[in-house]
């Protein structure tokens, strides 16, 4: 196995992703692909193989994606998990432990990432065209290790009439340029899509509030992601959305929340464009991703609708490890994920134990 096997499964997955997100996949189809990818990752990544063997889970003993061991997201800070040589390395935004502890997602097949990100983006963020992209996220040229910048750039290349970038790699906003463009857009019929992290949007809104933008074309919308980590004050999501609407004129029902992370190549979106503002806080995964809520100590799946640690099985991660355990808390009902935030305080015991096992396996699995 290895690069040739990855190439084969990647081609298969890309064709399947291209069919879109509208219909769920049959359970047996997902399992077949999940087990094929697990066999490749088990063979090609020594640390992951040792971790799985320690849990007595191998390609010959598992029969469903549920049984494939999940690694903690924190593992991407300590172990390079990659099938073959990476084409690009994405890094997490940072950590209090210093730059050398930033997570690294080594991606050996960028075309698979592109194939996975475009259909959900088109379905949940774009409901009409044409659209002009206005990005408060630095371009990939400026932020070449950011999976989010890559995503926005790939979506712009596929769907935008034009793309404009108003925040640089230092986080500086070109307010004059932004106001000028949005002012011109207000007098045209071409709708605008504003994209930004929640923090970047809040800082932008604070600059715009003294003189709000008026009369953006009907159908303009906003995609926001990331939450408010690093903010020195509290603000509720409801207040945030009210201020965004007041400053930009974009109604709440046209603000789409995106949930993603460097360690996962697929994203989840709020279905607000199709279901309205009442869908705020609910995120939908593409059919090539499964989500479960797990008990933080035992890592057993909790009852339907109960809160737990979110674990994701993402087939877009075919080149690294598909099954990832996060420290994000949420509930899952019929594939709809309601996020509650991150675990507060100490690392969950289940994550800590899994991380210890993975680090121990590096010696025995290499």
Protein backbone atom coordinates (compact mmCIF):
# COMPACT_ATOMS: atom_id res chain seq x y z
CA UNK A 1 0.00 0.00 0.00
CA UNK A 2 1.03 3.67 0.17
CA UNK A 3 1.11 6.38 -2.47
CA UNK A 4 -0.32 4.22 -5.27
CA UNK A 5 -3.19 3.02 -3.10
CA UNK A 6 -3.84 6.59 -1.93
CA UNK A 7 -3.94 7.77 -5.52
CA UNK A 8 -6.52 5.12 -6.36
CA UNK A 9 -8.81 5.91 -3.41
CA UNK A 10 -8.38 9.65 -3.96
CA UNK A 11 -9.65 9.39 -7.52
CA UNK A 12 -12.61 7.38 -6.29
CA UNK A 13 -13.41 9.89 -3.54
CA UNK A 14 -13.07 12.90 -5.82
CA UNK A 15 -15.60 11.43 -8.24
CA UNK A 16 -17.98 10.73 -5.36
CA UNK A 17 -17.58 14.18 -3.79
CA UNK A 18 -18.39 15.80 -7.14
CA UNK A 19 -21.94 14.38 -6.90
CA UNK A 20 -22.66 16.92 -4.18
CA UNK A 21 -24.07 17.01 -0.67
CA UNK A 22 -27.80 16.80 -1.22
CA UNK A 23 -28.28 13.07 -0.73
CA UNK A 24 -26.94 10.97 2.16
CA UNK A 25 -24.67 8.08 1.29
CA UNK A 26 -25.79 4.50 1.87
CA UNK A 27 -24.23 3.18 5.08
CA UNK A 28 -22.51 0.30 3.32
CA UNK A 29 -20.90 2.64 0.79
CA UNK A 30 -19.47 4.86 3.52
CA UNK A 31 -18.20 1.85 5.46
CA UNK A 32 -16.56 0.32 2.39
CA UNK A 33 -14.65 3.51 1.63
CA UNK A 34 -13.83 4.14 5.30
CA UNK A 35 -12.32 0.69 5.76
CA UNK A 36 -10.34 0.96 2.54
CA UNK A 37 -8.88 4.27 3.67
CA UNK A 38 -8.18 2.91 7.16
CA UNK A 39 -6.16 0.04 5.68
CA UNK A 40 -4.02 2.53 3.74
CA UNK A 41 -3.42 4.75 6.77
CA UNK A 42 -2.71 1.78 9.05
CA UNK A 43 -0.04 0.54 6.65
CA UNK A 44 1.56 3.88 5.81
CA UNK A 45 1.71 5.71 9.17
CA UNK A 46 3.79 3.82 11.77
CA UNK A 47 2.67 5.80 14.82
CA UNK A 48 -0.98 5.36 13.92
CA UNK A 49 -0.45 1.66 13.24
CA UNK A 50 1.12 1.19 16.68
CA UNK A 51 -1.73 3.11 18.29
CA UNK A 52 -4.32 0.91 16.56
CA UNK A 53 -2.48 -2.29 17.39
CA UNK A 54 -2.36 -1.24 21.03
CA UNK A 55 -6.15 -1.09 20.91
CA UNK A 56 -6.33 -4.39 19.01
CA UNK A 57 -7.96 -2.65 16.06
CA UNK A 58 -6.50 -3.53 12.68
CA UNK A 59 -7.90 -3.73 9.14
CA UNK A 60 -8.52 -7.43 9.71
CA UNK A 61 -10.48 -6.94 12.95
CA UNK A 62 -12.71 -3.90 12.31
CA UNK A 63 -15.92 -4.11 10.30
CA UNK A 64 -17.26 -0.55 10.54
CA UNK A 65 -15.94 3.01 10.63
CA UNK A 66 -17.17 3.25 14.25
CA UNK A 67 -14.48 0.73 15.27
CA UNK A 68 -11.59 2.61 13.67
CA UNK A 69 -9.54 4.26 16.46
CA UNK A 70 -9.83 8.04 16.67
CA UNK A 71 -6.73 10.10 17.40
CA UNK A 72 -6.93 13.30 19.47
CA UNK A 73 -6.70 16.51 17.45
CA UNK A 74 -3.77 17.43 19.70
CA UNK A 75 -1.77 14.63 18.05
CA UNK A 76 -1.26 16.89 15.03
CA UNK A 77 0.98 19.03 17.28
CA UNK A 78 3.34 16.15 18.00
CA UNK A 79 3.20 13.54 15.23
CA UNK A 80 3.39 13.93 11.46
CA UNK A 81 0.47 11.89 10.16
CA UNK A 82 0.76 11.53 6.41
CA UNK A 83 0.47 8.88 3.71
CA UNK A 84 3.42 9.68 1.45
CA UNK A 85 4.97 13.09 0.85
CA UNK A 86 2.88 16.21 1.51
CA UNK A 87 2.03 18.66 -1.25
CA UNK A 88 1.15 21.32 1.33
CA UNK A 89 1.42 21.69 5.09
CA UNK A 90 -1.38 23.50 6.89
CA UNK A 91 -0.76 24.80 10.40
CA UNK A 92 -3.11 25.70 13.21
CA UNK A 93 -3.35 29.36 14.14
CA UNK A 94 -1.22 29.04 17.27
CA UNK A 95 -1.11 28.04 20.90
CA UNK A 96 -0.01 29.34 24.26
CA UNK A 97 2.73 26.72 24.19
CA UNK A 98 4.58 28.51 21.43
CA UNK A 99 5.00 28.24 17.68
CA UNK A 100 6.78 24.89 17.86
CA UNK A 101 3.54 23.39 19.21
CA UNK A 102 1.32 24.48 16.36
CA UNK A 103 -0.56 21.61 14.82
CA UNK A 104 0.58 20.47 11.38
CA UNK A 105 -1.73 18.80 8.88
CA UNK A 106 0.36 17.28 6.11
CA UNK A 107 -1.75 16.97 2.97
CA UNK A 108 -0.41 14.68 0.23
CA UNK A 109 -3.24 15.35 -2.23
CA UNK A 110 -4.44 18.94 -2.48
CA UNK A 111 -6.91 18.05 -5.24
CA UNK A 112 -8.87 15.94 -2.73
CA UNK A 113 -9.14 18.90 -0.36
CA UNK A 114 -10.38 21.07 -3.20
CA UNK A 115 -12.89 18.42 -4.26
CA UNK A 116 -14.24 18.15 -0.70
CA UNK A 117 -14.59 21.87 0.03
CA UNK A 118 -16.35 23.07 -3.13
CA UNK A 119 -19.70 21.18 -3.07
CA UNK A 120 -20.64 22.08 0.55
CA UNK A 121 -19.57 25.68 0.03
CA UNK A 122 -21.69 25.94 -3.09
CA UNK A 123 -24.69 24.30 -1.43
CA UNK A 124 -24.70 26.18 1.90
CA UNK A 125 -23.03 29.53 1.17
CA UNK A 126 -24.08 30.23 -2.42
CA UNK A 127 -27.73 30.07 -3.31
CA UNK A 128 -27.54 32.27 -6.38
CA UNK A 129 -24.94 33.69 -8.75
CA UNK A 130 -23.13 35.81 -9.76
CA UNK A 131 -21.41 36.86 -6.55
CA UNK A 132 -18.43 39.04 -5.68
CA UNK A 133 -16.17 37.77 -2.88
CA UNK A 134 -15.10 40.28 -0.22
CA UNK A 135 -12.63 38.54 2.05
CA UNK A 136 -11.57 39.54 5.55
CA UNK A 137 -9.38 36.43 5.52
CA UNK A 138 -5.88 36.90 4.09
CA UNK A 139 -5.25 35.41 0.68
CA UNK A 140 -3.36 32.14 0.37
CA UNK A 141 -0.44 34.10 -1.10
CA UNK A 142 -0.23 35.95 2.22
CA UNK A 143 -1.10 33.02 4.49
CA UNK A 144 0.31 30.00 2.70
CA UNK A 145 0.01 27.62 5.66
CA UNK A 146 -3.68 28.37 6.33
CA UNK A 147 -6.26 25.79 5.28
CA UNK A 148 -8.94 28.50 5.64
CA UNK A 149 -7.15 30.83 3.23
CA UNK A 150 -6.76 27.96 0.79
CA UNK A 151 -10.48 27.18 1.10
CA UNK A 152 -11.57 30.75 0.41
CA UNK A 153 -9.16 31.03 -2.51
CA UNK A 154 -10.35 27.77 -4.06
CA UNK A 155 -14.00 28.81 -3.65
CA UNK A 156 -13.28 32.22 -5.15
CA UNK A 157 -11.55 30.64 -8.14
CA UNK A 158 -14.54 28.36 -8.69
CA UNK A 159 -17.47 30.67 -7.96
CA UNK A 160 -16.56 34.38 -7.71
CA UNK A 161 -16.97 36.97 -10.45
CA UNK A 162 -14.21 38.87 -8.66
CA UNK A 163 -12.39 38.40 -5.36
CA UNK A 164 -11.11 41.21 -3.14
CA UNK A 165 -8.86 40.75 -0.09
CA UNK A 166 -8.98 43.45 2.58
CA UNK A 167 -7.01 41.92 5.46
CA UNK A 168 -3.29 41.15 5.20
CA UNK A 169 -1.18 38.55 7.00
CA UNK A 170 -0.64 40.94 9.93
CA UNK A 171 -4.41 41.30 10.39
CA UNK A 172 -4.50 44.90 9.17
CA UNK A 173 -7.78 45.97 7.54
CA UNK A 174 -7.90 48.18 4.46
CA UNK A 175 -10.97 50.09 5.71
CA UNK A 176 -10.94 52.70 2.94
CA UNK A 177 -10.75 50.06 0.24
CA UNK A 178 -13.52 48.03 1.88
CA UNK A 179 -15.84 51.01 2.22
CA UNK A 180 -15.18 52.06 -1.36
CA UNK A 181 -15.95 48.62 -2.77
CA UNK A 182 -19.06 48.07 -0.66
CA UNK A 183 -20.27 51.53 -1.59
CA UNK A 184 -19.93 50.72 -5.29
CA UNK A 185 -21.63 47.37 -4.73
CA UNK A 186 -24.61 49.16 -3.16
CA UNK A 187 -25.30 50.89 -6.47
CA UNK A 188 -25.00 47.72 -8.57
CA UNK A 189 -27.07 44.58 -8.92
CA UNK A 190 -24.20 42.20 -8.22
CA UNK A 191 -24.55 40.68 -4.79
CA UNK A 192 -21.66 40.42 -2.37
CA UNK A 193 -20.38 37.57 -0.20
CA UNK A 194 -18.37 38.80 2.79
CA UNK A 195 -16.15 36.12 4.33
CA UNK A 196 -14.34 36.38 7.63
CA UNK A 197 -13.55 34.90 10.98
CA UNK A 198 -15.93 36.02 13.69
CA UNK A 199 -13.11 38.03 15.27
CA UNK A 200 -12.22 39.77 11.98
CA UNK A 201 -15.89 40.51 11.32
CA UNK A 202 -16.32 41.99 14.80
CA UNK A 203 -13.31 44.26 14.39
CA UNK A 204 -14.58 45.30 10.95
CA UNK A 205 -18.07 45.98 12.29
CA UNK A 206 -16.58 48.20 15.01
CA UNK A 207 -14.95 50.27 12.25
CA UNK A 208 -18.12 50.44 10.17
CA UNK A 209 -20.63 51.20 12.92
CA UNK A 210 -20.05 54.96 12.88
CA UNK A 211 -21.13 55.00 9.23
CA UNK A 212 -22.90 51.73 8.35
CA UNK A 213 -22.99 50.29 4.86
CA UNK A 214 -26.41 50.73 3.27
CA UNK A 215 -28.27 49.03 0.47
CA UNK A 216 -26.06 46.10 -0.45
CA UNK A 217 -27.74 44.23 -3.30
CA UNK A 218 -30.52 41.83 -2.31
CA UNK A 219 -29.16 38.34 -1.73
CA UNK A 220 -25.81 39.50 -0.35
CA UNK A 221 -24.61 37.29 2.49
CA UNK A 222 -21.87 36.67 5.04
CA UNK A 223 -19.89 33.55 5.95
CA UNK A 224 -18.38 33.63 9.44
CA UNK A 225 -16.18 31.11 11.19
CA UNK A 226 -13.88 30.63 14.13
CA UNK A 227 -15.49 32.07 17.25
CA UNK A 228 -13.95 34.71 19.52
CA UNK A 229 -10.84 33.06 20.95
CA UNK A 230 -8.41 35.80 21.93
CA UNK A 231 -11.08 38.46 22.48
CA UNK A 232 -10.56 40.44 25.69
CA UNK A 233 -14.28 40.90 26.33
CA UNK A 234 -17.45 38.84 26.14
CA UNK A 235 -20.04 39.12 23.42
CA UNK A 236 -22.93 36.76 22.75
CA UNK A 237 -23.45 35.35 19.30
CA UNK A 238 -26.87 37.00 19.20
CA UNK A 239 -25.40 40.44 19.93
CA UNK A 240 -22.64 39.80 17.40
CA UNK A 241 -25.15 39.03 14.66
CA UNK A 242 -27.26 42.07 15.54
CA UNK A 243 -24.22 44.31 15.20
CA UNK A 244 -23.16 42.68 11.94
CA UNK A 245 -26.63 43.24 10.48
CA UNK A 246 -26.76 46.84 11.69
CA UNK A 247 -23.34 47.65 10.19
CA UNK A 248 -23.74 45.85 6.86
CA UNK A 249 -27.47 45.54 6.23
CA UNK A 250 -27.14 41.77 5.76
CA UNK A 251 -30.08 40.10 7.60
CA UNK A 252 -29.49 37.31 10.13
CA UNK A 253 -31.01 34.73 7.81
CA UNK A 254 -28.20 35.40 5.35
CA UNK A 255 -25.32 34.96 7.80
CA UNK A 256 -23.92 31.44 7.46
CA UNK A 257 -21.76 29.96 10.20
CA UNK A 258 -18.97 27.61 9.12
CA UNK A 259 -17.28 25.12 11.44
CA UNK A 260 -13.92 23.69 10.51
CA UNK A 261 -10.45 23.06 11.81
CA UNK A 262 -6.99 22.55 10.39
CA UNK A 263 -7.02 18.88 11.40
CA UNK A 264 -10.14 18.18 9.30
CA UNK A 265 -10.36 18.94 5.59
CA UNK A 266 -14.17 18.97 5.44
CA UNK A 267 -16.33 21.77 6.83
CA UNK A 268 -19.80 21.93 8.40
CA UNK A 269 -22.24 24.77 7.71
CA UNK A 270 -25.38 26.27 9.19
CA UNK A 271 -28.29 25.81 6.74
CA UNK A 272 -29.52 29.36 7.31
CA UNK A 273 -29.92 30.21 3.61
CA UNK A 274 -32.43 27.38 3.17
CA UNK A 275 -33.95 27.21 6.68
CA UNK A 276 -33.69 30.76 7.96
CA UNK A 277 -32.23 32.34 11.08
CA UNK A 278 -33.76 29.60 13.24
CA UNK A 279 -31.06 27.24 11.99
CA UNK A 280 -28.38 29.30 13.75
CA UNK A 281 -26.16 27.07 15.88
CA UNK A 282 -26.97 23.90 13.93
CA UNK A 283 -24.30 22.63 11.53
CA UNK A 284 -24.57 20.03 8.78
CA UNK A 285 -21.70 17.83 7.65
CA UNK A 286 -21.23 16.62 4.07
CA UNK A 287 -22.19 12.98 3.47
CA UNK A 288 -18.53 11.89 3.45
CA UNK A 289 -18.17 12.94 7.09
CA UNK A 290 -19.71 11.25 10.15
CA UNK A 291 -20.01 12.98 13.52
CA UNK A 292 -20.60 11.48 16.97
CA UNK A 293 -20.74 12.88 20.51
CA UNK A 294 -18.68 10.78 22.95
CA UNK A 295 -18.44 10.48 26.72
CA UNK A 296 -15.31 12.46 27.76
CA UNK A 297 -14.05 9.67 30.03
CA UNK A 298 -14.99 6.39 28.36
CA UNK A 299 -15.22 7.67 24.77
CA UNK A 300 -18.41 5.66 24.35
CA UNK A 301 -21.08 7.27 22.20
CA UNK A 302 -23.63 9.18 24.29
CA UNK A 303 -27.38 9.01 23.83
CA UNK A 304 -28.99 10.85 20.94
CA UNK A 305 -29.12 14.57 21.66
CA UNK A 306 -26.83 14.44 24.71
CA UNK A 307 -23.71 16.56 24.86
CA UNK A 308 -20.29 15.00 24.46
CA UNK A 309 -16.89 15.39 22.86
CA UNK A 310 -17.27 15.61 19.10
CA UNK A 311 -15.47 12.98 17.03
CA UNK A 312 -15.36 13.21 13.24
CA UNK A 313 -14.69 10.58 10.61
CA UNK A 314 -13.75 12.61 7.54
CA UNK A 315 -13.01 10.79 4.29
CA UNK A 316 -11.41 13.96 2.95
CA UNK A 317 -8.60 13.16 5.44
CA UNK A 318 -7.66 10.12 3.38
CA UNK A 319 -4.04 11.30 3.21
CA UNK A 320 -3.62 11.62 6.99
CA UNK A 321 -5.99 10.11 9.60
CA UNK A 322 -9.76 10.15 9.07
CA UNK A 323 -11.01 9.61 12.62
CA UNK A 324 -10.28 12.66 14.81
CA UNK A 325 -11.38 13.26 18.41
CA UNK A 326 -11.72 16.93 19.32
CA UNK A 327 -12.13 18.86 22.56
CA UNK A 328 -15.19 20.59 21.15
CA UNK A 329 -18.48 19.85 22.88
CA UNK A 330 -21.79 19.39 21.14
CA UNK A 331 -24.85 17.25 20.59
CA UNK A 332 -25.74 15.25 17.48
CA UNK A 333 -29.28 14.50 16.35
CA UNK A 334 -29.92 12.86 12.98
CA UNK A 335 -26.63 14.15 11.62
CA UNK A 336 -27.29 17.73 12.75
CA UNK A 337 -24.61 19.05 15.09
CA UNK A 338 -25.36 21.66 17.73
CA UNK A 339 -22.09 23.12 18.97
CA UNK A 340 -21.66 24.18 22.60
CA UNK A 341 -18.02 25.32 22.61
CA UNK A 342 -14.76 23.87 23.84
CA UNK A 343 -14.06 21.88 26.99
CA UNK A 344 -13.17 24.20 29.84
CA UNK A 345 -10.34 23.42 32.23
CA UNK A 346 -8.38 20.18 32.20
CA UNK A 347 -8.00 18.01 29.13
CA UNK A 348 -10.77 15.37 29.00
CA UNK A 349 -9.56 12.07 30.42
CA UNK A 350 -10.45 10.14 27.28
CA UNK A 351 -8.40 12.52 25.11
CA UNK A 352 -5.49 12.41 27.55
CA UNK A 353 -5.46 8.62 27.60
CA UNK A 354 -5.65 8.40 23.81
CA UNK A 355 -2.82 10.92 23.46
CA UNK A 356 -0.63 8.94 25.89
CA UNK A 357 -1.25 5.76 23.91
CA UNK A 358 -0.41 7.44 20.62
CA UNK A 359 2.85 8.91 21.93
CA UNK A 360 3.83 5.55 23.42
CA UNK A 361 3.18 3.88 20.07
CA UNK A 362 5.77 6.03 18.29
CA UNK A 363 8.54 3.85 19.63
CA UNK A 364 6.88 0.50 19.03
CA UNK A 365 5.26 1.38 15.72
CA UNK A 366 8.23 2.80 13.80
